[in-house]
Amino acid sequence: MASVSLIANSFGDPAPNGRAADIVRGVQRMFAELGLASLTEMTLANGRRADVMAVGPNGEIVIVEVKSCLQDFQTDQKWPEYAPYCDRFYFAVDCDFPQEHIPEGTGLMCCDAFGGAVLRECSPSSLNAARRKAVTLSFARLAAARLMRVGDVASLANEPRVGEE
């Protein structure tokens, strides 16, 4: 079972703090405007945790890694391990982030607490059918479980991992 922060918002999602929280909020607002449903802190089958995962109207799966500063980006190089679980991968940063450090081939978003914009599209890939089904089903189950537990923060420690096959 995955352990998560005991601090959560009213929907049971683990809550980031500070600048990262503003970026996450902007990502989720932008996704909502684009018709994507998103969740935060999605634990994947490989044990990694995506900051934001979204599912589009056609089933496209997007993972966003939030970087609040250059040091955060430079000290955390686990992001390639997210690729097997999404069709598109983006970094989300605030608009002051030195963008030249973001690797080519990855998407780039500039976000604040009120919204965001895609500055660079990523190189799309395509999940195989079995992995897509597993990730989508896990996403749906986790979303339903979090909604069901609104107000029951203590039960958050029992969240399943996304994409377990």
N, C-alpha and C. Protein backbone atom coordinates (compact mmCIF):
# COMPACT_ATOMS: atom_id res chain seq x y z
N MET A 1 0.84 -1.18 0.00
CA MET A 1 0.00 0.00 0.00
C MET A 1 0.88 1.24 0.00
N ALA A 2 0.48 2.23 -0.74
CA ALA A 2 1.24 3.47 -0.83
C ALA A 2 0.94 4.34 0.38
N SER A 3 1.97 4.98 0.92
CA SER A 3 1.72 5.94 1.98
C SER A 3 1.72 7.33 1.36
N VAL A 4 0.85 8.17 1.85
CA VAL A 4 0.74 9.52 1.30
C VAL A 4 0.71 10.52 2.43
N SER A 5 0.85 11.77 2.07
CA SER A 5 0.78 12.85 3.03
C SER A 5 -0.56 12.83 3.74
N LEU A 6 -0.57 13.14 5.01
CA LEU A 6 -1.82 13.22 5.74
C LEU A 6 -2.52 14.56 5.53
N ILE A 7 -1.83 15.49 4.88
CA ILE A 7 -2.44 16.76 4.55
C ILE A 7 -3.16 16.56 3.22
N ALA A 8 -4.43 16.88 3.19
CA ALA A 8 -5.19 16.67 1.95
C ALA A 8 -6.17 17.80 1.75
N ASN A 9 -6.59 17.97 0.50
CA ASN A 9 -7.62 18.96 0.23
C ASN A 9 -8.98 18.34 0.48
N SER A 10 -10.04 19.07 0.20
CA SER A 10 -11.38 18.59 0.52
C SER A 10 -11.81 17.38 -0.30
N PHE A 11 -11.09 17.05 -1.38
CA PHE A 11 -11.43 15.87 -2.16
C PHE A 11 -10.56 14.68 -1.82
N GLY A 12 -9.72 14.80 -0.80
CA GLY A 12 -8.88 13.69 -0.40
C GLY A 12 -7.58 13.58 -1.15
N ASP A 13 -7.30 14.50 -2.07
CA ASP A 13 -6.03 14.48 -2.79
C ASP A 13 -4.91 14.94 -1.87
N PRO A 14 -3.77 14.26 -1.84
CA PRO A 14 -2.63 14.77 -1.08
C PRO A 14 -2.29 16.17 -1.59
N ALA A 15 -1.99 17.07 -0.68
CA ALA A 15 -1.80 18.47 -1.06
C ALA A 15 -0.33 18.87 -1.10
N PRO A 16 0.16 19.33 -2.25
CA PRO A 16 1.50 19.91 -2.28
C PRO A 16 1.46 21.26 -1.57
N ASN A 17 2.63 21.86 -1.31
CA ASN A 17 2.61 23.15 -0.64
C ASN A 17 3.50 24.15 -1.37
N GLY A 18 3.35 25.43 -1.02
CA GLY A 18 4.19 26.48 -1.57
C GLY A 18 4.04 26.68 -3.06
N ARG A 19 5.17 26.98 -3.69
CA ARG A 19 5.19 27.25 -5.13
C ARG A 19 4.69 26.05 -5.93
N ALA A 20 5.06 24.85 -5.51
CA ALA A 20 4.60 23.65 -6.21
C ALA A 20 3.08 23.56 -6.21
N ALA A 21 2.45 23.94 -5.10
CA ALA A 21 0.99 23.90 -5.01
C ALA A 21 0.36 24.85 -6.03
N ASP A 22 0.96 26.03 -6.19
CA ASP A 22 0.44 26.98 -7.18
C ASP A 22 0.55 26.42 -8.60
N ILE A 23 1.69 25.78 -8.89
CA ILE A 23 1.89 25.21 -10.22
C ILE A 23 0.89 24.07 -10.47
N VAL A 24 0.73 23.19 -9.48
CA VAL A 24 -0.23 22.08 -9.61
C VAL A 24 -1.63 22.63 -9.86
N ARG A 25 -2.01 23.64 -9.10
CA ARG A 25 -3.34 24.23 -9.28
C ARG A 25 -3.51 24.77 -10.70
N GLY A 26 -2.49 25.45 -11.20
CA GLY A 26 -2.55 25.98 -12.56
C GLY A 26 -2.65 24.89 -13.61
N VAL A 27 -1.89 23.81 -13.42
CA VAL A 27 -1.96 22.67 -14.35
C VAL A 27 -3.38 22.11 -14.37
N GLN A 28 -3.94 21.89 -13.19
CA GLN A 28 -5.27 21.30 -13.14
C GLN A 28 -6.33 22.24 -13.72
N ARG A 29 -6.20 23.53 -13.50
CA ARG A 29 -7.15 24.48 -14.10
C ARG A 29 -7.03 24.47 -15.62
N MET A 30 -5.79 24.46 -16.12
CA MET A 30 -5.59 24.43 -17.57
C MET A 30 -6.18 23.15 -18.16
N PHE A 31 -5.91 22.01 -17.52
CA PHE A 31 -6.45 20.75 -18.01
C PHE A 31 -7.98 20.79 -18.03
N ALA A 32 -8.60 21.33 -16.99
CA ALA A 32 -10.06 21.40 -16.95
C ALA A 32 -10.58 22.22 -18.13
N GLU A 33 -9.92 23.33 -18.43
CA GLU A 33 -10.32 24.16 -19.58
C GLU A 33 -10.18 23.41 -20.90
N LEU A 34 -9.21 22.49 -20.96
CA LEU A 34 -8.96 21.73 -22.18
C LEU A 34 -9.77 20.43 -22.25
N GLY A 35 -10.58 20.16 -21.22
CA GLY A 35 -11.42 18.98 -21.22
C GLY A 35 -10.76 17.72 -20.69
N LEU A 36 -9.66 17.86 -19.97
CA LEU A 36 -8.99 16.71 -19.37
C LEU A 36 -9.36 16.63 -17.89
N ALA A 37 -9.54 15.42 -17.38
CA ALA A 37 -9.77 15.19 -15.96
C ALA A 37 -8.43 14.85 -15.32
N SER A 38 -8.12 15.46 -14.18
CA SER A 38 -6.80 15.23 -13.58
C SER A 38 -6.89 14.90 -12.10
N LEU A 39 -5.87 14.19 -11.65
CA LEU A 39 -5.67 13.88 -10.24
C LEU A 39 -4.22 14.16 -9.89
N THR A 40 -3.97 14.44 -8.63
CA THR A 40 -2.61 14.69 -8.16
C THR A 40 -2.05 13.46 -7.45
N GLU A 41 -0.72 13.43 -7.38
CA GLU A 41 0.00 12.41 -6.60
C GLU A 41 -0.45 10.99 -6.94
N MET A 42 -0.29 10.61 -8.19
CA MET A 42 -0.68 9.28 -8.66
C MET A 42 0.50 8.33 -8.53
N THR A 43 0.39 7.34 -7.67
CA THR A 43 1.43 6.34 -7.53
C THR A 43 1.30 5.32 -8.65
N LEU A 44 2.38 5.14 -9.40
CA LEU A 44 2.40 4.24 -10.55
C LEU A 44 2.82 2.83 -10.12
N ALA A 45 2.63 1.86 -10.98
CA ALA A 45 2.97 0.47 -10.67
C ALA A 45 4.45 0.29 -10.39
N ASN A 46 5.30 1.17 -10.92
CA ASN A 46 6.74 1.06 -10.67
C ASN A 46 7.17 1.76 -9.38
N GLY A 47 6.21 2.26 -8.62
CA GLY A 47 6.51 2.90 -7.35
C GLY A 47 6.73 4.40 -7.43
N ARG A 48 6.89 4.93 -8.62
CA ARG A 48 7.06 6.38 -8.79
C ARG A 48 5.71 7.06 -8.63
N ARG A 49 5.77 8.33 -8.26
CA ARG A 49 4.53 9.07 -8.07
C ARG A 49 4.51 10.28 -8.99
N ALA A 50 3.53 10.31 -9.89
CA ALA A 50 3.37 11.44 -10.80
C ALA A 50 2.69 12.58 -10.05
N ASP A 51 3.20 13.79 -10.25
CA ASP A 51 2.61 14.95 -9.58
C ASP A 51 1.18 15.18 -10.05
N VAL A 52 0.95 15.11 -11.36
CA VAL A 52 -0.39 15.25 -11.93
C VAL A 52 -0.53 14.22 -13.05
N MET A 53 -1.66 13.52 -13.06
CA MET A 53 -2.00 12.65 -14.17
C MET A 53 -3.37 13.09 -14.67
N ALA A 54 -3.52 13.10 -15.99
CA ALA A 54 -4.79 13.50 -16.58
C ALA A 54 -5.19 12.51 -17.67
N VAL A 55 -6.50 12.40 -17.85
CA VAL A 55 -7.05 11.58 -18.92
C VAL A 55 -7.93 12.48 -19.78
N GLY A 56 -7.67 12.44 -21.09
CA GLY A 56 -8.42 13.27 -22.03
C GLY A 56 -9.69 12.60 -22.50
N PRO A 57 -10.52 13.32 -23.24
CA PRO A 57 -11.80 12.78 -23.70
C PRO A 57 -11.67 11.56 -24.60
N ASN A 58 -10.53 11.40 -25.26
CA ASN A 58 -10.31 10.23 -26.12
C ASN A 58 -9.47 9.16 -25.44
N GLY A 59 -9.25 9.29 -24.13
CA GLY A 59 -8.49 8.30 -23.39
C GLY A 59 -7.00 8.54 -23.34
N GLU A 60 -6.52 9.64 -23.91
CA GLU A 60 -5.09 9.95 -23.86
C GLU A 60 -4.68 10.20 -22.41
N ILE A 61 -3.54 9.63 -22.03
CA ILE A 61 -3.03 9.76 -20.67
C ILE A 61 -1.82 10.68 -20.66
N VAL A 62 -1.89 11.69 -19.79
CA VAL A 62 -0.84 12.70 -19.69
C VAL A 62 -0.30 12.70 -18.27
N ILE A 63 1.03 12.75 -18.15
CA ILE A 63 1.67 12.91 -16.84
C ILE A 63 2.44 14.22 -16.85
N VAL A 64 2.33 14.94 -15.73
CA VAL A 64 3.03 16.20 -15.55
C VAL A 64 3.89 16.12 -14.30
N GLU A 65 5.16 16.45 -14.46
CA GLU A 65 6.10 16.54 -13.35
C GLU A 65 6.29 18.02 -13.04
N VAL A 66 5.98 18.42 -11.81
CA VAL A 66 6.08 19.81 -11.39
C VAL A 66 7.47 20.06 -10.82
N LYS A 67 8.09 21.12 -11.29
CA LYS A 67 9.40 21.54 -10.77
C LYS A 67 9.28 22.98 -10.29
N SER A 68 9.49 23.18 -8.99
CA SER A 68 9.30 24.49 -8.39
C SER A 68 10.52 25.39 -8.51
N CYS A 69 11.69 24.80 -8.81
CA CYS A 69 12.91 25.59 -8.97
C CYS A 69 13.95 24.74 -9.70
N LEU A 70 15.03 25.37 -10.13
CA LEU A 70 16.08 24.67 -10.86
C LEU A 70 16.71 23.57 -10.01
N GLN A 71 16.94 23.84 -8.73
CA GLN A 71 17.54 22.83 -7.86
C GLN A 71 16.64 21.59 -7.77
N ASP A 72 15.35 21.78 -7.68
CA ASP A 72 14.40 20.67 -7.66
C ASP A 72 14.55 19.83 -8.93
N PHE A 73 14.67 20.49 -10.08
CA PHE A 73 14.84 19.79 -11.35
C PHE A 73 16.16 19.03 -11.39
N GLN A 74 17.24 19.67 -10.96
CA GLN A 74 18.57 19.07 -11.06
C GLN A 74 18.78 17.90 -10.10
N THR A 75 18.09 17.89 -8.98
CA THR A 75 18.29 16.82 -8.00
C THR A 75 17.34 15.65 -8.18
N ASP A 76 16.34 15.78 -9.04
CA ASP A 76 15.36 14.72 -9.24
C ASP A 76 15.36 14.31 -10.71
N GLN A 77 16.02 13.22 -11.01
CA GLN A 77 16.12 12.76 -12.41
C GLN A 77 15.35 11.47 -12.65
N LYS A 78 14.26 11.26 -11.91
CA LYS A 78 13.46 10.04 -12.06
C LYS A 78 12.42 10.14 -13.17
N TRP A 79 12.30 11.32 -13.77
CA TRP A 79 11.21 11.55 -14.72
C TRP A 79 11.16 10.58 -15.90
N PRO A 80 12.28 10.03 -16.41
CA PRO A 80 12.14 9.08 -17.53
C PRO A 80 11.33 7.82 -17.16
N GLU A 81 11.21 7.53 -15.87
CA GLU A 81 10.48 6.35 -15.43
C GLU A 81 8.96 6.51 -15.53
N TYR A 82 8.49 7.71 -15.87
CA TYR A 82 7.06 7.94 -16.06
C TYR A 82 6.60 7.57 -17.47
N ALA A 83 7.49 7.57 -18.42
CA ALA A 83 7.14 7.37 -19.84
C ALA A 83 6.32 6.10 -20.10
N PRO A 84 6.60 4.97 -19.45
CA PRO A 84 5.81 3.77 -19.75
C PRO A 84 4.34 3.86 -19.33
N TYR A 85 3.96 4.95 -18.66
CA TYR A 85 2.60 5.07 -18.13
C TYR A 85 1.79 6.21 -18.75
N CYS A 86 2.30 6.81 -19.82
CA CYS A 86 1.56 7.93 -20.42
C CYS A 86 1.82 8.04 -21.92
N ASP A 87 0.91 8.76 -22.57
CA ASP A 87 1.06 9.08 -23.99
C ASP A 87 1.85 10.37 -24.17
N ARG A 88 1.74 11.25 -23.19
CA ARG A 88 2.44 12.54 -23.24
C ARG A 88 3.01 12.85 -21.86
N PHE A 89 4.21 13.44 -21.87
CA PHE A 89 4.87 13.83 -20.62
C PHE A 89 5.29 15.29 -20.70
N TYR A 90 4.98 16.04 -19.66
CA TYR A 90 5.33 17.46 -19.59
C TYR A 90 6.00 17.78 -18.26
N PHE A 91 6.85 18.78 -18.28
CA PHE A 91 7.29 19.45 -17.06
C PHE A 91 6.43 20.69 -16.92
N ALA A 92 6.01 20.99 -15.70
CA ALA A 92 5.31 22.24 -15.42
C ALA A 92 6.18 23.05 -14.46
N VAL A 93 6.44 24.29 -14.84
CA VAL A 93 7.30 25.18 -14.06
C VAL A 93 6.62 26.54 -13.96
N ASP A 94 7.14 27.40 -13.06
CA ASP A 94 6.62 28.76 -13.08
C ASP A 94 7.35 29.53 -14.18
N CYS A 95 6.86 30.69 -14.48
CA CYS A 95 7.35 31.41 -15.66
C CYS A 95 8.76 31.97 -15.49
N ASP A 96 9.31 31.95 -14.28
CA ASP A 96 10.68 32.42 -14.04
C ASP A 96 11.71 31.31 -14.19
N PHE A 97 11.27 30.08 -14.38
CA PHE A 97 12.19 28.94 -14.47
C PHE A 97 13.05 29.06 -15.72
N PRO A 98 14.36 28.76 -15.62
CA PRO A 98 15.23 28.80 -16.81
C PRO A 98 14.92 27.62 -17.74
N GLN A 99 14.13 27.89 -18.76
CA GLN A 99 13.56 26.85 -19.62
C GLN A 99 14.59 26.06 -20.42
N GLU A 100 15.78 26.61 -20.62
CA GLU A 100 16.80 25.90 -21.41
C GLU A 100 17.25 24.60 -20.74
N HIS A 101 16.93 24.41 -19.47
CA HIS A 101 17.32 23.19 -18.76
C HIS A 101 16.37 22.02 -19.00
N ILE A 102 15.20 22.30 -19.53
CA ILE A 102 14.21 21.24 -19.77
C ILE A 102 14.61 20.47 -21.02
N PRO A 103 14.75 19.13 -20.92
CA PRO A 103 15.23 18.33 -22.06
C PRO A 103 14.32 18.40 -23.28
N GLU A 104 14.94 18.37 -24.46
CA GLU A 104 14.19 18.30 -25.71
C GLU A 104 13.38 17.00 -25.72
N GLY A 105 12.26 17.03 -26.39
CA GLY A 105 11.39 15.86 -26.47
C GLY A 105 10.35 15.80 -25.37
N THR A 106 10.59 16.53 -24.28
CA THR A 106 9.59 16.60 -23.22
C THR A 106 8.79 17.87 -23.42
N GLY A 107 7.54 17.83 -22.98
CA GLY A 107 6.70 19.01 -23.07
C GLY A 107 7.03 19.98 -21.95
N LEU A 108 6.64 21.23 -22.14
CA LEU A 108 6.91 22.27 -21.15
C LEU A 108 5.68 23.15 -20.99
N MET A 109 5.27 23.33 -19.73
CA MET A 109 4.16 24.20 -19.39
C MET A 109 4.65 25.27 -18.43
N CYS A 110 4.11 26.45 -18.56
CA CYS A 110 4.35 27.54 -17.62
C CYS A 110 3.03 27.75 -16.88
N CYS A 111 3.04 27.59 -15.55
CA CYS A 111 1.80 27.66 -14.78
C CYS A 111 1.97 28.48 -13.52
N ASP A 112 0.87 29.09 -13.09
CA ASP A 112 0.80 29.72 -11.78
C ASP A 112 -0.51 29.27 -11.15
N ALA A 113 -0.90 29.86 -10.05
CA ALA A 113 -2.09 29.40 -9.34
C ALA A 113 -3.39 29.59 -10.10
N PHE A 114 -3.36 30.35 -11.18
CA PHE A 114 -4.59 30.68 -11.88
C PHE A 114 -4.77 30.00 -13.22
N GLY A 115 -3.74 29.35 -13.71
CA GLY A 115 -3.83 28.67 -15.00
C GLY A 115 -2.45 28.42 -15.57
N GLY A 116 -2.41 28.14 -16.85
CA GLY A 116 -1.13 27.86 -17.46
C GLY A 116 -1.22 27.84 -18.97
N ALA A 117 -0.07 27.62 -19.58
CA ALA A 117 0.03 27.54 -21.03
C ALA A 117 1.09 26.52 -21.40
N VAL A 118 0.85 25.80 -22.48
CA VAL A 118 1.85 24.89 -23.01
C VAL A 118 2.81 25.72 -23.85
N LEU A 119 4.08 25.72 -23.44
CA LEU A 119 5.11 26.45 -24.18
C LEU A 119 5.76 25.59 -25.25
N ARG A 120 5.80 24.29 -25.00
CA ARG A 120 6.42 23.36 -25.96
C ARG A 120 5.70 22.02 -25.86
N GLU A 121 5.28 21.53 -27.00
CA GLU A 121 4.65 20.21 -27.04
C GLU A 121 5.71 19.13 -26.87
N CYS A 122 5.28 18.00 -26.34
CA CYS A 122 6.20 16.87 -26.17
C CYS A 122 6.15 15.98 -27.40
N SER A 123 7.09 15.05 -27.45
CA SER A 123 7.05 14.01 -28.48
C SER A 123 6.06 12.96 -28.01
N PRO A 124 4.94 12.79 -28.71
CA PRO A 124 3.94 11.83 -28.25
C PRO A 124 4.41 10.39 -28.42
N SER A 125 3.92 9.54 -27.54
CA SER A 125 4.14 8.10 -27.67
C SER A 125 2.77 7.45 -27.53
N SER A 126 2.72 6.15 -27.54
CA SER A 126 1.43 5.48 -27.43
C SER A 126 1.56 4.27 -26.52
N LEU A 127 0.73 4.24 -25.51
CA LEU A 127 0.72 3.10 -24.60
C LEU A 127 0.15 1.87 -25.31
N ASN A 128 0.62 0.69 -24.92
CA ASN A 128 -0.01 -0.52 -25.45
C ASN A 128 -1.39 -0.68 -24.79
N ALA A 129 -2.25 -1.45 -25.40
CA ALA A 129 -3.64 -1.55 -24.96
C ALA A 129 -3.78 -2.04 -23.52
N ALA A 130 -3.00 -3.04 -23.14
CA ALA A 130 -3.11 -3.59 -21.78
C ALA A 130 -2.70 -2.55 -20.74
N ARG A 131 -1.61 -1.85 -20.98
CA ARG A 131 -1.16 -0.82 -20.03
C ARG A 131 -2.17 0.32 -19.96
N ARG A 132 -2.69 0.74 -21.12
CA ARG A 132 -3.69 1.83 -21.15
C ARG A 132 -4.91 1.45 -20.32
N LYS A 133 -5.38 0.22 -20.50
CA LYS A 133 -6.55 -0.22 -19.75
C LYS A 133 -6.26 -0.22 -18.26
N ALA A 134 -5.10 -0.74 -17.86
CA ALA A 134 -4.74 -0.81 -16.45
C ALA A 134 -4.62 0.59 -15.83
N VAL A 135 -3.97 1.50 -16.54
CA VAL A 135 -3.78 2.85 -16.01
C VAL A 135 -5.13 3.57 -15.93
N THR A 136 -5.94 3.46 -16.97
CA THR A 136 -7.24 4.14 -16.99
C THR A 136 -8.16 3.61 -15.90
N LEU A 137 -8.18 2.30 -15.73
CA LEU A 137 -9.01 1.71 -14.68
C LEU A 137 -8.54 2.14 -13.30
N SER A 138 -7.24 2.13 -13.08
CA SER A 138 -6.70 2.56 -11.79
C SER A 138 -7.00 4.03 -11.53
N PHE A 139 -6.88 4.86 -12.56
CA PHE A 139 -7.19 6.29 -12.45
C PHE A 139 -8.65 6.47 -12.02
N ALA A 140 -9.55 5.76 -12.70
CA ALA A 140 -10.98 5.88 -12.39
C ALA A 140 -11.29 5.40 -10.98
N ARG A 141 -10.70 4.29 -10.58
CA ARG A 141 -10.95 3.76 -9.24
C ARG A 141 -10.41 4.69 -8.17
N LEU A 142 -9.23 5.25 -8.40
CA LEU A 142 -8.66 6.17 -7.42
C LEU A 142 -9.49 7.45 -7.32
N ALA A 143 -9.93 7.96 -8.47
CA ALA A 143 -10.77 9.16 -8.45
C ALA A 143 -12.06 8.90 -7.67
N ALA A 144 -12.68 7.76 -7.91
CA ALA A 144 -13.92 7.42 -7.21
C ALA A 144 -13.66 7.24 -5.72
N ALA A 145 -12.56 6.57 -5.37
CA ALA A 145 -12.24 6.36 -3.96
C ALA A 145 -11.98 7.68 -3.24
N ARG A 146 -11.26 8.59 -3.90
CA ARG A 146 -10.99 9.89 -3.27
C ARG A 146 -12.28 10.68 -3.09
N LEU A 147 -13.14 10.65 -4.06
CA LEU A 147 -14.40 11.37 -3.94
C LEU A 147 -15.25 10.77 -2.82
N MET A 148 -15.26 9.45 -2.72
CA MET A 148 -16.03 8.79 -1.69
C MET A 148 -15.52 9.16 -0.29
N ARG A 149 -14.23 9.39 -0.18
CA ARG A 149 -13.64 9.65 1.12
C ARG A 149 -13.54 11.13 1.48
N VAL A 150 -14.27 11.96 0.79
CA VAL A 150 -14.26 13.38 1.15
C VAL A 150 -14.60 13.48 2.64
N GLY A 151 -13.72 14.11 3.35
CA GLY A 151 -13.94 14.25 4.79
C GLY A 151 -13.37 13.12 5.61
N ASP A 152 -12.84 12.08 4.96
CA ASP A 152 -12.28 10.94 5.69
C ASP A 152 -10.80 10.83 5.37
N VAL A 153 -10.01 11.80 5.83
CA VAL A 153 -8.59 11.90 5.51
C VAL A 153 -7.81 10.67 5.97
N ALA A 154 -8.19 10.05 7.06
CA ALA A 154 -7.43 8.92 7.61
C ALA A 154 -7.38 7.73 6.66
N SER A 155 -8.33 7.60 5.76
CA SER A 155 -8.35 6.44 4.86
C SER A 155 -7.47 6.61 3.64
N LEU A 156 -6.79 7.75 3.47
CA LEU A 156 -5.98 7.99 2.28
C LEU A 156 -4.78 7.06 2.15
N ALA A 157 -4.32 6.48 3.22
CA ALA A 157 -3.13 5.63 3.17
C ALA A 157 -3.36 4.33 2.41
N ASN A 158 -4.58 4.03 2.04
CA ASN A 158 -4.88 2.76 1.37
C ASN A 158 -5.09 2.91 -0.12
N GLU A 159 -4.50 3.92 -0.75
CA GLU A 159 -4.68 4.13 -2.18
C GLU A 159 -3.93 3.08 -2.99
N PRO A 160 -4.56 2.58 -4.06
CA PRO A 160 -3.87 1.62 -4.94
C PRO A 160 -2.86 2.32 -5.84
N ARG A 161 -1.95 1.56 -6.41
CA ARG A 161 -1.00 2.09 -7.38
C ARG A 161 -1.63 2.08 -8.76
N VAL A 162 -1.36 3.12 -9.52
CA VAL A 162 -1.93 3.26 -10.85
C VAL A 162 -1.14 2.41 -11.84
N GLY A 163 -1.84 1.69 -12.70
CA GLY A 163 -1.20 0.94 -13.78
C GLY A 163 -0.72 -0.44 -13.40
N GLU A 164 -1.09 -0.94 -12.23
CA GLU A 164 -0.70 -2.31 -11.89
C GLU A 164 -1.49 -3.24 -12.79
N GLU A 165 -0.79 -4.17 -13.38
CA GLU A 165 -1.44 -5.07 -14.32
C GLU A 165 -1.58 -6.45 -13.71
